[in-house]
C-alpha atoms as a PDB file:
ATOM      1  CA  MET A   1     -93.871  13.008 -25.958  1.00  0.00           C
ATOM      2  CA  THR A   2     -96.522  15.794 -25.412  1.00  0.00           C
ATOM      3  CA  GLU A   3     -95.789  15.444 -21.566  1.00  0.00           C
ATOM      4  CA  ASN A   4     -92.306  16.272 -22.143  1.00  0.00           C
ATOM      5  CA  ALA A   5     -93.165  19.195 -24.303  1.00  0.00           C
ATOM      6  CA  ASN A   6     -95.718  20.728 -21.673  1.00  0.00           C
ATOM      7  CA  PHE A   7     -93.058  20.137 -18.967  1.00  0.00           C
ATOM      8  CA  GLU A   8     -90.467  22.120 -20.977  1.00  0.00           C
ATOM      9  CA  LYS A   9     -92.986  24.898 -21.656  1.00  0.00           C
ATOM     10  CA  GLU A  10     -93.948  25.149 -17.942  1.00  0.00           C
ATOM     11  CA  ASP A  11     -90.264  25.076 -16.869  1.00  0.00           C
ATOM     12  CA  ALA A  12     -89.591  27.874 -19.389  1.00  0.00           C
ATOM     13  CA  TYR A  13     -92.541  29.781 -18.095  1.00  0.00           C
ATOM     14  CA  GLN A  14     -91.334  29.310 -14.455  1.00  0.00           C
ATOM     15  CA  LYS A  15     -87.599  30.420 -15.511  1.00  0.00           C
ATOM     16  CA  GLN A  16     -89.196  33.579 -16.963  1.00  0.00           C
ATOM     17  CA  LEU A  17     -91.207  34.353 -13.824  1.00  0.00           C
ATOM     18  CA  ASN A  18     -88.071  33.722 -11.595  1.00  0.00           C
ATOM     19  CA  LYS A  19     -86.098  36.231 -13.853  1.00  0.00           C
ATOM     20  CA  GLU A  20     -88.679  38.883 -13.568  1.00  0.00           C
ATOM     21  CA  GLU A  21     -88.923  38.451  -9.762  1.00  0.00           C
ATOM     22  CA  MET A  22     -85.083  38.756  -9.446  1.00  0.00           C
ATOM     23  CA  LYS A  23     -85.190  41.789 -11.585  1.00  0.00           C
ATOM     24  CA  LYS A  24     -87.791  43.400  -9.404  1.00  0.00           C
ATOM     25  CA  GLN A  25     -85.784  42.411  -6.196  1.00  0.00           C
ATOM     26  CA  MET A  26     -82.523  43.751  -7.579  1.00  0.00           C
ATOM     27  CA  ILE A  27     -84.281  47.128  -8.615  1.00  0.00           C
ATOM     28  CA  SER A  28     -85.797  47.303  -4.985  1.00  0.00           C
ATOM     29  CA  PHE A  29     -82.579  46.556  -3.478  1.00  0.00           C
ATOM     30  CA  SER A  30     -80.636  49.323  -5.532  1.00  0.00           C
ATOM     31  CA  LEU A  31     -83.453  51.923  -4.586  1.00  0.00           C
ATOM     32  CA  MET A  32     -83.045  51.048  -0.959  1.00  0.00           C
ATOM     33  CA  ILE A  33     -79.115  51.429  -1.116  1.00  0.00           C
ATOM     34  CA  ILE A  34     -79.803  54.962  -2.854  1.00  0.00           C
ATOM     35  CA  LEU A  35     -82.084  55.989  -0.242  1.00  0.00           C
ATOM     36  CA  THR A  36     -79.734  54.905   2.399  1.00  0.00           C
ATOM     37  CA  LEU A  37     -76.882  56.948   0.920  1.00  0.00           C
ATOM     38  CA  ILE A  38     -79.193  60.057   0.429  1.00  0.00           C
ATOM     39  CA  SER A  39     -80.225  59.643   3.945  1.00  0.00           C
ATOM     40  CA  PHE A  40     -76.483  59.382   5.138  1.00  0.00           C
ATOM     41  CA  GLY A  41     -75.589  62.388   2.978  1.00  0.00           C
ATOM     42  CA  ILE A  42     -78.395  64.513   4.464  1.00  0.00           C
ATOM     43  CA  VAL A  43     -77.180  63.669   8.057  1.00  0.00           C
ATOM     44  CA  ALA A  44     -73.412  63.768   7.184  1.00  0.00           C
ATOM     45  CA  THR A  45     -73.481  67.204   5.518  1.00  0.00           C
ATOM     46  CA  GLY A  46     -75.889  68.978   7.893  1.00  0.00           C
ATOM     47  CA  ASN A  47     -76.871  71.273   5.105  1.00  0.00           C
ATOM     48  CA  ILE A  48     -80.594  70.724   5.665  1.00  0.00           C
ATOM     49  CA  GLU A  49     -82.274  72.077   8.848  1.00  0.00           C
ATOM     50  CA  LYS A  50     -83.418  69.678  11.506  1.00  0.00           C
ATOM     51  CA  ILE A  51     -87.201  70.715  10.835  1.00  0.00           C
ATOM     52  CA  TYR A  52     -87.011  69.446   7.162  1.00  0.00           C
ATOM     53  CA  ALA A  53     -84.353  66.663   7.527  1.00  0.00           C
ATOM     54  CA  ILE A  54     -86.326  64.656  10.280  1.00  0.00           C
ATOM     55  CA  PRO A  55     -89.638  64.235   8.278  1.00  0.00           C
ATOM     56  CA  LEU A  56     -87.653  63.538   5.084  1.00  0.00           C
ATOM     57  CA  LEU A  57     -85.676  60.855   6.626  1.00  0.00           C
ATOM     58  CA  LEU A  58     -88.729  59.379   8.257  1.00  0.00           C
ATOM     59  CA  VAL A  59     -90.393  59.138   4.962  1.00  0.00           C
ATOM     60  CA  MET A  60     -87.400  57.500   3.311  1.00  0.00           C
ATOM     61  CA  ALA A  61     -87.448  55.041   6.188  1.00  0.00           C
ATOM     62  CA  VAL A  62     -90.928  54.279   5.438  1.00  0.00           C
ATOM     63  CA  VAL A  63     -90.404  53.661   1.878  1.00  0.00           C
ATOM     64  CA  GLN A  64     -87.572  51.302   2.751  1.00  0.00           C
ATOM     65  CA  VAL A  65     -89.777  49.281   5.046  1.00  0.00           C
ATOM     66  CA  ALA A  66     -92.463  48.978   2.331  1.00  0.00           C
ATOM     67  CA  PHE A  67     -89.656  47.648  -0.036  1.00  0.00           C
ATOM     68  CA  GLN A  68     -88.760  45.152   2.728  1.00  0.00           C
ATOM     69  CA  PHE A  69     -92.215  44.031   3.262  1.00  0.00           C
ATOM     70  CA  TYR A  70     -93.440  43.747  -0.331  1.00  0.00           C
ATOM     71  CA  TYR A  71     -90.370  42.505  -2.123  1.00  0.00           C
ATOM     72  CA  PHE A  72     -87.937  40.614   0.262  1.00  0.00           C
ATOM     73  CA  MET A  73     -90.615  39.412   2.698  1.00  0.00           C
ATOM     74  CA  HIS A  74     -92.972  38.547  -0.427  1.00  0.00           C
ATOM     75  CA  MET A  75     -95.973  40.388   1.047  1.00  0.00           C
ATOM     76  CA  LYS A  76     -97.197  41.175  -2.338  1.00  0.00           C
ATOM     77  CA  ASP A  77     -97.820  37.359  -3.181  1.00  0.00           C
ATOM     78  CA  LYS A  78    -100.958  35.818  -2.722  1.00  0.00           C
ATOM     79  CA  GLY A  79    -101.461  33.623   0.438  1.00  0.00           C
ATOM     80  CA  HIS A  80     -99.880  36.054   2.758  1.00  0.00           C
ATOM     81  CA  GLY A  81    -103.025  37.673   4.211  1.00  0.00           C
ATOM     82  CA  MET A  82    -102.688  36.634   7.825  1.00  0.00           C
ATOM     83  CA  PRO A  83     -99.097  37.578   8.150  1.00  0.00           C
ATOM     84  CA  ALA A  84     -99.788  40.944   6.473  1.00  0.00           C
ATOM     85  CA  ALA A  85    -102.825  41.482   8.799  1.00  0.00           C
ATOM     86  CA  LEU A  86    -100.585  40.555  12.017  1.00  0.00           C
ATOM     87  CA  ILE A  87     -97.690  42.995  10.736  1.00  0.00           C
ATOM     88  CA  TYR A  88    -100.142  46.077  10.071  1.00  0.00           C
ATOM     89  CA  GLY A  89    -101.599  45.391  13.366  1.00  0.00           C
ATOM     90  CA  GLY A  90     -98.359  45.444  14.999  1.00  0.00           C
ATOM     91  CA  VAL A  91     -97.566  48.672  13.130  1.00  0.00           C
ATOM     92  CA  TRP A  92    -100.890  50.209  14.246  1.00  0.00           C
ATOM     93  CA  ALA A  93    -100.416  49.068  17.922  1.00  0.00           C
ATOM     94  CA  ALA A  94     -96.989  50.607  17.907  1.00  0.00           C
ATOM     95  CA  PHE A  95     -98.316  53.889  16.470  1.00  0.00           C
ATOM     96  CA  LEU A  96    -101.091  54.165  19.044  1.00  0.00           C
ATOM     97  CA  THR A  97     -98.524  53.547  21.810  1.00  0.00           C
ATOM     98  CA  LEU A  98     -96.231  56.003  20.676  1.00  0.00           C
ATOM     99  CA  ALA A  99     -98.919  58.530  20.116  1.00  0.00           C
ATOM    100  CA  GLY A 100    -100.294  57.881  23.613  1.00  0.00           C
ATOM    101  CA  LEU A 101     -96.879  58.313  25.145  1.00  0.00           C
ATOM    102  CA  GLY A 102     -96.421  61.601  23.113  1.00  0.00           C
ATOM    103  CA  VAL A 103     -99.729  62.925  24.360  1.00  0.00           C
ATOM    104  CA  ILE A 104     -98.976  61.931  28.005  1.00  0.00           C
ATOM    105  CA  SER A 105     -95.535  63.527  28.028  1.00  0.00           C
ATOM    106  CA  TRP A 106     -96.312  66.841  26.240  1.00  0.00           C
ATOM    107  CA  TRP A 107     -99.800  67.375  27.959  1.00  0.00           C
END
């Protein structure tokens, strides 16, 4: 009898955790859609000068990538240290490659 009660408590706890996780994913998805609409509006209207629009669009893109990594690829969860290290290493290598190409082409 107590095993069944413990199982029900664990099941209720897991359902609550799943509900909270889904809520966080829906909020991050909504924020990504809003950022996409803002980015599209910036480009479509053309009211903002290029010198300000491009850095703003890049910042919003980085925020969206962070949402993708942490909420939809579950990088915030425990046990994802090695994939996180490989992804961050790849991002760093890409940054260094682009910086090197930029220096070479504008030197």
